[in-house]
Amino acid sequence: MRREEIEKKLRELDTASINDALKKRGSVDESIKSIKEGDFLCGPAFTAKCCPGDMLTALKALEEISEGEVLVIDGGGVTKYSLFGDLMARQAKLKRIAGLIVDGAIRDVKGIKSEGLITFCRNVVTRAGTASRLGEINVPVVCGGVIVNPGDWVVGDDDGVVVIPKDKVQEIIHIAEETLKREAIIREAIEQGKPISKLL
C-alpha cells in the first residue's frame, strides 16, 4: 500500500479504534495531548532524541525532516524547559511537515497555533531549553512510554496519540475498519431501542 493510501485510510479512522486494533499497546501516555481541540495528526515519524532540557537536536531535526512527516521529539518527559517554540513552528510549516509530538514541554502556544502546526505535547511552559548538546536524529525513541521507530505511523486526535509499527500498518488498518463496521451495527441497534449492555 502506498503512503498516500495509508494516510487516506488512517484519516477515516480514530485513535480509539486504532488502539483497539493494537490491543491497547500503542497508546502514548495520556498526558500528551493536542494544544488545539479538534486537530487530527497523521503521518510517518521522523524522530529526535533530545538531551534533557536541550532543544539542539530538535533544531537539527527540523533541517532534515521531509514534507508530510511527523516530528516526534523524545524529551524524556522533562517539562521544566521548552524544546519547541513559535520560530521553530514557522520553519516546520514552511517544510510542510504533518505535525509535532513532544514528550516534554513547548512554549509560544499562541504563535504555534497561528502557524497552524498540529502539536501534541506533555506541558506548556515559559522557560526555553538550552541549545548546546546534540542527541540523536531519526533513531528509535520513546515517546510517552511507547517505542517509536523512524517511519512508524503516528495518529493523534482529541483522545490522544497512537503509534502503529510501520510493518503492521496495513493489518492494523484492516482490523480498525472492521471494528468501526461492528460499531455502526451496534449504533443502529441502539437507535432501535436495544440496550447496549446486550449488544457488546
N, C-alpha and C. Protein backbone atom coordinates (compact mmCIF):
# COMPACT_ATOMS: atom_id res chain seq x y z
N MET A 1 0.84 -1.19 0.00
CA MET A 1 0.00 0.00 0.00
C MET A 1 0.88 1.25 0.00
N ARG A 2 0.58 2.17 -0.89
CA ARG A 2 1.38 3.39 -0.98
C ARG A 2 1.10 4.31 0.21
N ARG A 3 2.08 5.19 0.46
CA ARG A 3 1.98 6.10 1.61
C ARG A 3 0.69 6.92 1.55
N GLU A 4 0.33 7.40 0.37
CA GLU A 4 -0.87 8.22 0.23
C GLU A 4 -2.12 7.43 0.59
N GLU A 5 -2.15 6.16 0.21
CA GLU A 5 -3.30 5.30 0.52
C GLU A 5 -3.39 5.04 2.02
N ILE A 6 -2.23 4.80 2.63
CA ILE A 6 -2.20 4.57 4.08
C ILE A 6 -2.75 5.78 4.82
N GLU A 7 -2.28 6.95 4.44
CA GLU A 7 -2.72 8.17 5.12
C GLU A 7 -4.22 8.39 4.93
N LYS A 8 -4.71 8.18 3.73
CA LYS A 8 -6.15 8.36 3.47
C LYS A 8 -6.98 7.45 4.35
N LYS A 9 -6.58 6.18 4.46
CA LYS A 9 -7.34 5.23 5.27
C LYS A 9 -7.25 5.56 6.75
N LEU A 10 -6.07 5.98 7.22
CA LEU A 10 -5.93 6.33 8.63
C LEU A 10 -6.78 7.54 8.99
N ARG A 11 -6.93 8.46 8.06
CA ARG A 11 -7.73 9.66 8.32
C ARG A 11 -9.22 9.35 8.41
N GLU A 12 -9.61 8.17 7.99
CA GLU A 12 -11.01 7.75 8.11
C GLU A 12 -11.26 7.02 9.42
N LEU A 13 -10.19 6.81 10.21
CA LEU A 13 -10.30 6.12 11.48
C LEU A 13 -10.17 7.12 12.63
N ASP A 14 -10.01 6.61 13.84
CA ASP A 14 -9.74 7.44 15.01
C ASP A 14 -8.80 6.68 15.93
N THR A 15 -8.26 7.38 16.91
CA THR A 15 -7.25 6.74 17.76
C THR A 15 -7.84 5.64 18.63
N ALA A 16 -9.11 5.76 18.98
CA ALA A 16 -9.73 4.73 19.82
C ALA A 16 -9.81 3.40 19.08
N SER A 17 -10.27 3.44 17.82
CA SER A 17 -10.39 2.20 17.06
C SER A 17 -9.01 1.63 16.73
N ILE A 18 -8.04 2.51 16.49
CA ILE A 18 -6.68 2.04 16.22
C ILE A 18 -6.08 1.40 17.48
N ASN A 19 -6.33 2.04 18.63
CA ASN A 19 -5.84 1.48 19.89
C ASN A 19 -6.41 0.08 20.12
N ASP A 20 -7.68 -0.10 19.85
CA ASP A 20 -8.29 -1.43 20.00
C ASP A 20 -7.62 -2.43 19.07
N ALA A 21 -7.35 -2.00 17.83
CA ALA A 21 -6.70 -2.89 16.86
C ALA A 21 -5.29 -3.26 17.31
N LEU A 22 -4.63 -2.35 18.00
CA LEU A 22 -3.29 -2.59 18.52
C LEU A 22 -3.30 -3.36 19.83
N LYS A 23 -4.49 -3.75 20.28
CA LYS A 23 -4.66 -4.46 21.55
C LYS A 23 -4.11 -3.67 22.72
N LYS A 24 -4.36 -2.33 22.63
CA LYS A 24 -4.04 -1.40 23.71
C LYS A 24 -2.54 -1.25 23.95
N ARG A 25 -1.73 -1.57 22.94
CA ARG A 25 -0.28 -1.50 23.14
C ARG A 25 0.36 -0.28 22.47
N GLY A 26 -0.41 0.51 21.76
CA GLY A 26 0.22 1.60 21.01
C GLY A 26 -0.05 3.00 21.49
N SER A 27 -0.79 3.14 22.59
CA SER A 27 -1.17 4.48 23.05
C SER A 27 -0.07 5.12 23.89
N VAL A 28 0.29 6.34 23.54
CA VAL A 28 1.28 7.06 24.35
C VAL A 28 0.61 7.56 25.62
N ASP A 29 1.40 7.99 26.57
CA ASP A 29 0.89 8.46 27.86
C ASP A 29 -0.20 9.50 27.67
N GLU A 30 -1.25 9.35 28.48
CA GLU A 30 -2.43 10.22 28.33
C GLU A 30 -2.16 11.68 28.62
N SER A 31 -1.00 12.00 29.21
CA SER A 31 -0.66 13.40 29.48
C SER A 31 -0.29 14.16 28.21
N ILE A 32 0.04 13.43 27.15
CA ILE A 32 0.42 14.08 25.89
C ILE A 32 -0.84 14.33 25.08
N LYS A 33 -1.21 15.60 24.99
CA LYS A 33 -2.46 16.00 24.34
C LYS A 33 -2.23 17.12 23.32
N SER A 34 -3.23 17.31 22.47
CA SER A 34 -3.16 18.39 21.49
C SER A 34 -3.34 19.74 22.16
N ILE A 35 -2.71 20.77 21.62
CA ILE A 35 -2.87 22.12 22.15
C ILE A 35 -4.12 22.78 21.57
N LYS A 36 -4.76 22.11 20.61
CA LYS A 36 -5.96 22.68 19.98
C LYS A 36 -6.99 21.59 19.77
N GLU A 37 -8.15 21.76 20.36
CA GLU A 37 -9.22 20.78 20.22
C GLU A 37 -9.63 20.62 18.76
N GLY A 38 -9.83 19.38 18.35
CA GLY A 38 -10.30 19.11 17.00
C GLY A 38 -9.21 18.81 15.99
N ASP A 39 -7.96 19.01 16.35
CA ASP A 39 -6.87 18.72 15.41
C ASP A 39 -6.72 17.21 15.20
N PHE A 40 -6.32 16.83 14.00
CA PHE A 40 -6.07 15.42 13.68
C PHE A 40 -4.68 15.31 13.08
N LEU A 41 -3.86 14.49 13.69
CA LEU A 41 -2.47 14.33 13.28
C LEU A 41 -2.27 12.96 12.64
N CYS A 42 -1.56 12.92 11.51
CA CYS A 42 -1.34 11.64 10.85
C CYS A 42 -0.12 11.74 9.94
N GLY A 43 0.81 10.79 10.11
CA GLY A 43 1.98 10.76 9.24
C GLY A 43 3.05 9.83 9.77
N PRO A 44 4.04 9.53 8.94
CA PRO A 44 5.17 8.71 9.39
C PRO A 44 6.11 9.52 10.29
N ALA A 45 6.71 8.86 11.25
CA ALA A 45 7.52 9.54 12.25
C ALA A 45 8.93 9.85 11.76
N PHE A 46 9.38 11.04 12.08
CA PHE A 46 10.79 11.43 12.00
C PHE A 46 11.17 11.78 13.42
N THR A 47 12.16 11.09 13.99
CA THR A 47 12.39 11.17 15.43
C THR A 47 13.61 12.01 15.81
N ALA A 48 13.52 12.57 17.02
CA ALA A 48 14.64 13.32 17.61
C ALA A 48 14.74 12.94 19.08
N LYS A 49 15.90 12.45 19.47
CA LYS A 49 16.14 12.10 20.88
C LYS A 49 16.98 13.21 21.51
N CYS A 50 16.32 14.06 22.29
CA CYS A 50 16.99 15.23 22.86
C CYS A 50 17.70 14.92 24.18
N CYS A 51 18.76 15.65 24.43
CA CYS A 51 19.34 15.65 25.77
C CYS A 51 18.38 16.39 26.70
N PRO A 52 18.32 16.01 27.98
CA PRO A 52 17.33 16.61 28.89
C PRO A 52 17.37 18.14 28.89
N GLY A 53 16.23 18.75 28.59
CA GLY A 53 16.12 20.21 28.63
C GLY A 53 16.84 20.94 27.53
N ASP A 54 17.30 20.24 26.50
CA ASP A 54 18.08 20.88 25.43
C ASP A 54 17.40 20.67 24.08
N MET A 55 17.21 21.75 23.32
CA MET A 55 16.45 21.70 22.07
C MET A 55 17.31 21.58 20.81
N LEU A 56 18.63 21.48 20.95
CA LEU A 56 19.50 21.47 19.77
C LEU A 56 19.15 20.34 18.81
N THR A 57 18.84 19.18 19.33
CA THR A 57 18.51 18.04 18.48
C THR A 57 17.23 18.29 17.70
N ALA A 58 16.26 18.93 18.34
CA ALA A 58 15.01 19.27 17.65
C ALA A 58 15.27 20.28 16.53
N LEU A 59 16.16 21.22 16.78
CA LEU A 59 16.53 22.20 15.75
C LEU A 59 17.18 21.52 14.55
N LYS A 60 18.06 20.58 14.82
CA LYS A 60 18.72 19.84 13.74
C LYS A 60 17.72 18.97 12.98
N ALA A 61 16.79 18.38 13.71
CA ALA A 61 15.79 17.53 13.07
C ALA A 61 14.94 18.33 12.08
N LEU A 62 14.66 19.58 12.42
CA LEU A 62 13.88 20.43 11.51
C LEU A 62 14.60 20.65 10.18
N GLU A 63 15.92 20.56 10.19
CA GLU A 63 16.67 20.72 8.95
C GLU A 63 16.54 19.50 8.05
N GLU A 64 16.33 18.33 8.65
CA GLU A 64 16.38 17.07 7.89
C GLU A 64 15.01 16.45 7.62
N ILE A 65 14.01 16.85 8.37
CA ILE A 65 12.68 16.25 8.22
C ILE A 65 12.11 16.58 6.85
N SER A 66 11.27 15.68 6.33
CA SER A 66 10.68 15.85 5.00
C SER A 66 9.20 16.18 5.09
N GLU A 67 8.67 16.71 4.00
CA GLU A 67 7.26 17.05 3.91
C GLU A 67 6.38 15.84 4.25
N GLY A 68 5.34 16.09 5.05
CA GLY A 68 4.39 15.04 5.39
C GLY A 68 4.77 14.19 6.57
N GLU A 69 5.98 14.36 7.10
CA GLU A 69 6.39 13.57 8.26
C GLU A 69 5.98 14.25 9.56
N VAL A 70 5.87 13.46 10.62
CA VAL A 70 5.57 13.96 11.96
C VAL A 70 6.86 13.99 12.76
N LEU A 71 7.20 15.15 13.30
CA LEU A 71 8.39 15.24 14.15
C LEU A 71 8.04 14.75 15.55
N VAL A 72 8.67 13.65 15.95
CA VAL A 72 8.44 13.06 17.28
C VAL A 72 9.68 13.33 18.12
N ILE A 73 9.51 14.16 19.15
CA ILE A 73 10.63 14.58 19.99
C ILE A 73 10.58 13.84 21.32
N ASP A 74 11.61 13.06 21.58
CA ASP A 74 11.77 12.38 22.86
C ASP A 74 12.53 13.32 23.78
N GLY A 75 11.78 13.98 24.65
CA GLY A 75 12.39 14.89 25.61
C GLY A 75 12.51 14.27 26.98
N GLY A 76 12.31 12.95 27.04
CA GLY A 76 12.43 12.26 28.32
C GLY A 76 11.36 12.62 29.32
N GLY A 77 10.29 13.26 28.85
CA GLY A 77 9.21 13.64 29.75
C GLY A 77 9.53 14.85 30.62
N VAL A 78 10.68 15.50 30.40
CA VAL A 78 11.06 16.68 31.18
C VAL A 78 10.16 17.85 30.79
N THR A 79 9.51 18.46 31.77
CA THR A 79 8.53 19.51 31.45
C THR A 79 8.90 20.89 32.00
N LYS A 80 10.10 21.06 32.51
CA LYS A 80 10.51 22.36 33.06
C LYS A 80 11.03 23.29 31.98
N TYR A 81 11.48 22.72 30.85
CA TYR A 81 12.10 23.53 29.80
C TYR A 81 11.46 23.21 28.46
N SER A 82 11.24 24.25 27.68
CA SER A 82 10.62 24.07 26.37
C SER A 82 11.64 23.55 25.35
N LEU A 83 11.17 22.63 24.50
CA LEU A 83 12.01 22.11 23.42
C LEU A 83 11.54 22.59 22.05
N PHE A 84 10.47 23.41 22.03
CA PHE A 84 9.92 23.84 20.75
C PHE A 84 9.12 25.13 20.96
N GLY A 85 9.31 26.09 20.00
CA GLY A 85 8.61 27.36 20.10
C GLY A 85 8.09 27.84 18.75
N ASP A 86 7.62 29.08 18.72
CA ASP A 86 6.93 29.57 17.53
C ASP A 86 7.84 29.75 16.31
N LEU A 87 9.10 30.10 16.51
CA LEU A 87 10.00 30.25 15.36
C LEU A 87 10.28 28.89 14.72
N MET A 88 10.39 27.89 15.55
CA MET A 88 10.56 26.53 15.04
C MET A 88 9.29 26.09 14.30
N ALA A 89 8.15 26.50 14.84
CA ALA A 89 6.87 26.17 14.19
C ALA A 89 6.80 26.80 12.80
N ARG A 90 7.34 27.99 12.67
CA ARG A 90 7.33 28.65 11.36
C ARG A 90 8.14 27.84 10.35
N GLN A 91 9.32 27.40 10.77
CA GLN A 91 10.15 26.58 9.88
C GLN A 91 9.45 25.26 9.55
N ALA A 92 8.81 24.67 10.54
CA ALA A 92 8.10 23.41 10.33
C ALA A 92 6.99 23.57 9.30
N LYS A 93 6.26 24.68 9.36
CA LYS A 93 5.18 24.90 8.40
C LYS A 93 5.73 25.13 7.00
N LEU A 94 6.84 25.84 6.90
CA LEU A 94 7.45 26.07 5.59
C LEU A 94 7.93 24.76 4.97
N LYS A 95 8.30 23.81 5.81
CA LYS A 95 8.73 22.50 5.32
C LYS A 95 7.54 21.55 5.11
N ARG A 96 6.35 22.03 5.46
CA ARG A 96 5.11 21.27 5.25
C ARG A 96 5.09 19.93 5.99
N ILE A 97 5.59 19.94 7.23
CA ILE A 97 5.53 18.70 8.00
C ILE A 97 4.09 18.48 8.46
N ALA A 98 3.78 17.23 8.80
CA ALA A 98 2.39 16.90 9.17
C ALA A 98 2.04 17.35 10.57
N GLY A 99 3.03 17.46 11.43
CA GLY A 99 2.75 17.87 12.80
C GLY A 99 3.88 17.53 13.74
N LEU A 100 3.60 17.67 15.03
CA LEU A 100 4.63 17.59 16.06
C LEU A 100 4.10 16.89 17.29
N ILE A 101 4.94 16.01 17.86
CA ILE A 101 4.64 15.42 19.17
C ILE A 101 5.88 15.60 20.04
N VAL A 102 5.70 16.15 21.22
CA VAL A 102 6.81 16.39 22.14
C VAL A 102 6.55 15.68 23.46
N ASP A 103 7.39 14.71 23.80
CA ASP A 103 7.32 14.12 25.13
C ASP A 103 8.16 15.02 26.03
N GLY A 104 7.55 16.14 26.36
CA GLY A 104 8.22 17.21 27.09
C GLY A 104 7.36 18.45 26.94
N ALA A 105 8.00 19.61 27.01
CA ALA A 105 7.26 20.87 27.02
C ALA A 105 7.54 21.71 25.78
N ILE A 106 6.58 22.60 25.48
CA ILE A 106 6.73 23.61 24.43
C ILE A 106 6.42 24.97 25.04
N ARG A 107 6.63 26.02 24.24
CA ARG A 107 6.17 27.34 24.65
C ARG A 107 5.70 28.09 23.39
N ASP A 108 5.29 29.35 23.56
CA ASP A 108 4.79 30.17 22.44
C ASP A 108 3.55 29.53 21.81
N VAL A 109 2.64 29.07 22.64
CA VAL A 109 1.47 28.37 22.12
C VAL A 109 0.66 29.23 21.15
N LYS A 110 0.49 30.50 21.46
CA LYS A 110 -0.29 31.37 20.58
C LYS A 110 0.34 31.42 19.19
N GLY A 111 1.68 31.56 19.15
CA GLY A 111 2.36 31.61 17.86
C GLY A 111 2.29 30.29 17.11
N ILE A 112 2.42 29.18 17.84
CA ILE A 112 2.34 27.86 17.20
C ILE A 112 0.96 27.64 16.62
N LYS A 113 -0.08 28.05 17.36
CA LYS A 113 -1.44 27.92 16.85
C LYS A 113 -1.65 28.80 15.62
N SER A 114 -1.08 29.99 15.64
CA SER A 114 -1.26 30.89 14.49
C SER A 114 -0.58 30.34 13.24
N GLU A 115 0.46 29.54 13.42
CA GLU A 115 1.11 28.89 12.28
C GLU A 115 0.29 27.70 11.77
N GLY A 116 -0.65 27.26 12.58
CA GLY A 116 -1.47 26.12 12.18
C GLY A 116 -0.75 24.79 12.27
N LEU A 117 0.31 24.74 13.08
CA LEU A 117 1.06 23.49 13.23
C LEU A 117 0.37 22.59 14.24
N ILE A 118 -0.06 21.42 13.80
CA ILE A 118 -0.71 20.47 14.71
C ILE A 118 0.33 19.99 15.71
N THR A 119 0.04 20.20 16.98
CA THR A 119 1.03 19.97 18.02
C THR A 119 0.44 19.23 19.21
N PHE A 120 1.12 18.15 19.61
CA PHE A 120 0.78 17.43 20.82
C PHE A 120 1.99 17.52 21.75
N CYS A 121 1.74 17.72 23.04
CA CYS A 121 2.86 17.82 23.98
C CYS A 121 2.40 17.44 25.38
N ARG A 122 3.37 17.34 26.28
CA ARG A 122 3.08 16.97 27.67
C ARG A 122 2.79 18.19 28.53
N ASN A 123 3.39 19.33 28.18
CA ASN A 123 3.21 20.52 29.03
C ASN A 123 3.55 21.78 28.24
N VAL A 124 3.11 22.92 28.77
CA VAL A 124 3.43 24.23 28.21
C VAL A 124 4.08 25.06 29.30
N VAL A 125 5.23 25.67 28.98
CA VAL A 125 5.98 26.46 29.96
C VAL A 125 6.47 27.75 29.31
N THR A 126 7.06 28.62 30.10
CA THR A 126 7.64 29.86 29.56
C THR A 126 9.14 29.75 29.35
N ARG A 127 9.80 28.85 30.05
CA ARG A 127 11.25 28.77 30.08
C ARG A 127 11.81 27.98 28.91
N ALA A 128 12.67 28.59 28.10
CA ALA A 128 13.28 27.90 26.96
C ALA A 128 14.39 26.96 27.42
N GLY A 129 14.52 25.87 26.71
CA GLY A 129 15.62 24.97 26.99
C GLY A 129 16.92 25.51 26.41
N THR A 130 18.01 24.85 26.72
CA THR A 130 19.31 25.24 26.16
C THR A 130 19.40 24.69 24.73
N ALA A 131 20.47 25.06 24.04
CA ALA A 131 20.70 24.55 22.67
C ALA A 131 22.20 24.30 22.51
N SER A 132 22.72 23.38 23.31
CA SER A 132 24.16 23.16 23.32
C SER A 132 24.59 21.70 23.23
N ARG A 133 23.65 20.77 23.44
CA ARG A 133 24.01 19.35 23.45
C ARG A 133 23.21 18.60 22.39
N LEU A 134 23.94 17.96 21.49
CA LEU A 134 23.28 17.26 20.39
C LEU A 134 23.04 15.80 20.77
N GLY A 135 21.79 15.38 20.62
CA GLY A 135 21.42 13.99 20.85
C GLY A 135 21.47 13.22 19.54
N GLU A 136 20.40 12.46 19.24
CA GLU A 136 20.37 11.63 18.04
C GLU A 136 19.12 11.92 17.22
N ILE A 137 19.27 11.80 15.90
CA ILE A 137 18.18 12.08 14.98
C ILE A 137 17.84 10.83 14.18
N ASN A 138 16.53 10.61 14.03
CA ASN A 138 15.99 9.50 13.25
C ASN A 138 16.50 8.14 13.73
N VAL A 139 16.39 7.96 15.03
CA VAL A 139 16.72 6.68 15.68
C VAL A 139 15.48 6.26 16.48
N PRO A 140 15.41 5.02 16.93
CA PRO A 140 14.29 4.64 17.80
C PRO A 140 14.28 5.49 19.06
N VAL A 141 13.11 5.98 19.43
CA VAL A 141 12.96 6.81 20.63
C VAL A 141 11.79 6.27 21.45
N VAL A 142 11.65 6.82 22.65
CA VAL A 142 10.48 6.51 23.48
C VAL A 142 9.67 7.79 23.63
N CYS A 143 8.40 7.69 23.27
CA CYS A 143 7.50 8.85 23.39
C CYS A 143 6.29 8.42 24.21
N GLY A 144 6.16 8.99 25.38
CA GLY A 144 5.04 8.65 26.24
C GLY A 144 4.98 7.18 26.58
N GLY A 145 6.14 6.55 26.74
CA GLY A 145 6.20 5.15 27.12
C GLY A 145 6.11 4.16 25.98
N VAL A 146 5.99 4.66 24.74
CA VAL A 146 5.88 3.80 23.57
C VAL A 146 7.12 3.98 22.68
N ILE A 147 7.69 2.88 22.22
CA ILE A 147 8.83 2.96 21.30
C ILE A 147 8.33 3.42 19.94
N VAL A 148 9.01 4.42 19.39
CA VAL A 148 8.68 4.94 18.06
C VAL A 148 9.91 4.80 17.19
N ASN A 149 9.78 4.02 16.13
CA ASN A 149 10.87 3.89 15.15
C ASN A 149 10.64 4.85 13.99
N PRO A 150 11.71 5.31 13.36
CA PRO A 150 11.54 6.15 12.18
C PRO A 150 10.65 5.44 11.15
N GLY A 151 9.65 6.15 10.66
CA GLY A 151 8.76 5.58 9.67
C GLY A 151 7.51 4.94 10.23
N ASP A 152 7.46 4.71 11.56
CA ASP A 152 6.22 4.24 12.17
C ASP A 152 5.14 5.30 11.96
N TRP A 153 3.91 4.85 11.85
CA TRP A 153 2.81 5.80 11.63
C TRP A 153 2.28 6.30 12.96
N VAL A 154 2.07 7.61 13.02
CA VAL A 154 1.59 8.26 14.23
C VAL A 154 0.25 8.93 13.92
N VAL A 155 -0.73 8.66 14.78
CA VAL A 155 -2.06 9.25 14.62
C VAL A 155 -2.47 9.89 15.93
N GLY A 156 -2.98 11.11 15.88
CA GLY A 156 -3.41 11.80 17.08
C GLY A 156 -4.72 12.53 16.87
N ASP A 157 -5.58 12.52 17.88
CA ASP A 157 -6.81 13.29 17.86
C ASP A 157 -7.15 13.71 19.28
N ASP A 158 -8.39 14.10 19.53
CA ASP A 158 -8.74 14.61 20.86
C ASP A 158 -8.60 13.56 21.96
N ASP A 159 -8.60 12.28 21.60
CA ASP A 159 -8.46 11.22 22.60
C ASP A 159 -7.01 10.95 22.99
N GLY A 160 -6.06 11.35 22.13
CA GLY A 160 -4.66 11.10 22.42
C GLY A 160 -3.89 10.70 21.18
N VAL A 161 -2.78 9.97 21.38
CA VAL A 161 -1.88 9.61 20.29
C VAL A 161 -1.62 8.11 20.31
N VAL A 162 -1.62 7.51 19.12
CA VAL A 162 -1.25 6.10 18.99
C VAL A 162 -0.13 5.97 17.96
N VAL A 163 0.69 4.94 18.15
CA VAL A 163 1.82 4.66 17.26
C VAL A 163 1.62 3.29 16.64
N ILE A 164 1.68 3.24 15.31
CA ILE A 164 1.49 1.99 14.58
C ILE A 164 2.82 1.57 13.95
N PRO A 165 3.35 0.41 14.32
CA PRO A 165 4.59 -0.05 13.68
C PRO A 165 4.44 -0.09 12.17
N LYS A 166 5.44 0.41 11.46
CA LYS A 166 5.33 0.53 10.01
C LYS A 166 5.09 -0.79 9.30
N ASP A 167 5.58 -1.89 9.87
CA ASP A 167 5.41 -3.18 9.22
C ASP A 167 4.05 -3.82 9.54
N LYS A 168 3.23 -3.15 10.38
CA LYS A 168 1.92 -3.68 10.72
C LYS A 168 0.78 -2.75 10.34
N VAL A 169 1.10 -1.67 9.64
CA VAL A 169 0.09 -0.64 9.43
C VAL A 169 -1.10 -1.14 8.61
N GLN A 170 -0.87 -1.92 7.57
CA GLN A 170 -1.99 -2.41 6.77
C GLN A 170 -2.89 -3.34 7.58
N GLU A 171 -2.28 -4.21 8.37
CA GLU A 171 -3.04 -5.12 9.22
C GLU A 171 -3.89 -4.36 10.23
N ILE A 172 -3.29 -3.34 10.85
CA ILE A 172 -4.00 -2.56 11.87
C ILE A 172 -5.14 -1.77 11.24
N ILE A 173 -4.92 -1.23 10.06
CA ILE A 173 -5.99 -0.50 9.37
C ILE A 173 -7.18 -1.43 9.13
N HIS A 174 -6.91 -2.63 8.65
CA HIS A 174 -7.98 -3.58 8.36
C HIS A 174 -8.77 -3.92 9.62
N ILE A 175 -8.07 -4.20 10.71
CA ILE A 175 -8.75 -4.56 11.96
C ILE A 175 -9.60 -3.38 12.46
N ALA A 176 -9.03 -2.17 12.40
CA ALA A 176 -9.76 -0.98 12.87
C ALA A 176 -10.99 -0.72 12.01
N GLU A 177 -10.87 -0.93 10.72
CA GLU A 177 -12.03 -0.74 9.83
C GLU A 177 -13.14 -1.72 10.19
N GLU A 178 -12.79 -2.96 10.49
CA GLU A 178 -13.79 -3.95 10.88
C GLU A 178 -14.44 -3.57 12.20
N THR A 179 -13.65 -3.01 13.11
CA THR A 179 -14.19 -2.56 14.40
C THR A 179 -15.25 -1.48 14.19
N LEU A 180 -14.95 -0.51 13.32
CA LEU A 180 -15.90 0.56 13.06
C LEU A 180 -17.17 0.06 12.39
N LYS A 181 -17.04 -0.96 11.55
CA LYS A 181 -18.23 -1.55 10.93
C LYS A 181 -19.12 -2.18 11.99
N ARG A 182 -18.51 -2.91 12.93
CA ARG A 182 -19.29 -3.53 14.00
C ARG A 182 -19.96 -2.47 14.88
N GLU A 183 -19.23 -1.40 15.15
CA GLU A 183 -19.79 -0.34 15.99
C GLU A 183 -20.97 0.34 15.29
N ALA A 184 -20.90 0.44 13.97
CA ALA A 184 -22.01 1.04 13.22
C ALA A 184 -23.27 0.20 13.35
N ILE A 185 -23.11 -1.12 13.35
CA ILE A 185 -24.24 -2.02 13.53
C ILE A 185 -24.82 -1.88 14.94
N ILE A 186 -23.93 -1.80 15.93
CA ILE A 186 -24.37 -1.62 17.30
C ILE A 186 -25.09 -0.29 17.48
N ARG A 187 -24.55 0.75 16.86
CA ARG A 187 -25.17 2.08 16.96
C ARG A 187 -26.60 2.06 16.38
N GLU A 188 -26.75 1.37 15.28
CA GLU A 188 -28.08 1.27 14.66
C GLU A 188 -29.05 0.53 15.59
N ALA A 189 -28.55 -0.52 16.24
CA ALA A 189 -29.39 -1.28 17.18
C ALA A 189 -29.80 -0.42 18.37
N ILE A 190 -28.87 0.41 18.85
CA ILE A 190 -29.19 1.32 19.95
C ILE A 190 -30.29 2.29 19.55
N GLU A 191 -30.21 2.80 18.32
CA GLU A 191 -31.23 3.71 17.81
C GLU A 191 -32.60 3.02 17.76
N GLN A 192 -32.60 1.71 17.60
CA GLN A 192 -33.84 0.96 17.56
C GLN A 192 -34.35 0.59 18.95
N GLY A 193 -33.63 1.05 19.97
CA GLY A 193 -34.08 0.85 21.34
C GLY A 193 -33.48 -0.30 22.08
N LYS A 194 -32.51 -1.00 21.48
CA LYS A 194 -31.91 -2.15 22.16
C LYS A 194 -30.87 -1.66 23.17
N PRO A 195 -30.78 -2.30 24.34
CA PRO A 195 -29.82 -1.86 25.38
C PRO A 195 -28.38 -2.23 24.98
N ILE A 196 -27.48 -1.28 25.20
CA ILE A 196 -26.09 -1.50 24.82
C ILE A 196 -25.47 -2.66 25.61
N SER A 197 -25.96 -2.90 26.82
CA SER A 197 -25.41 -3.99 27.63
C SER A 197 -25.59 -5.35 26.99
N LYS A 198 -26.57 -5.49 26.09
CA LYS A 198 -26.82 -6.77 25.45
C LYS A 198 -26.21 -6.83 24.04
N LEU A 199 -25.55 -5.74 23.65
CA LEU A 199 -25.00 -5.68 22.30
C LEU A 199 -23.50 -5.86 22.26
N LEU A 200 -22.84 -5.59 23.36
CA LEU A 200 -21.38 -5.65 23.37
C LEU A 200 -20.90 -7.07 23.69
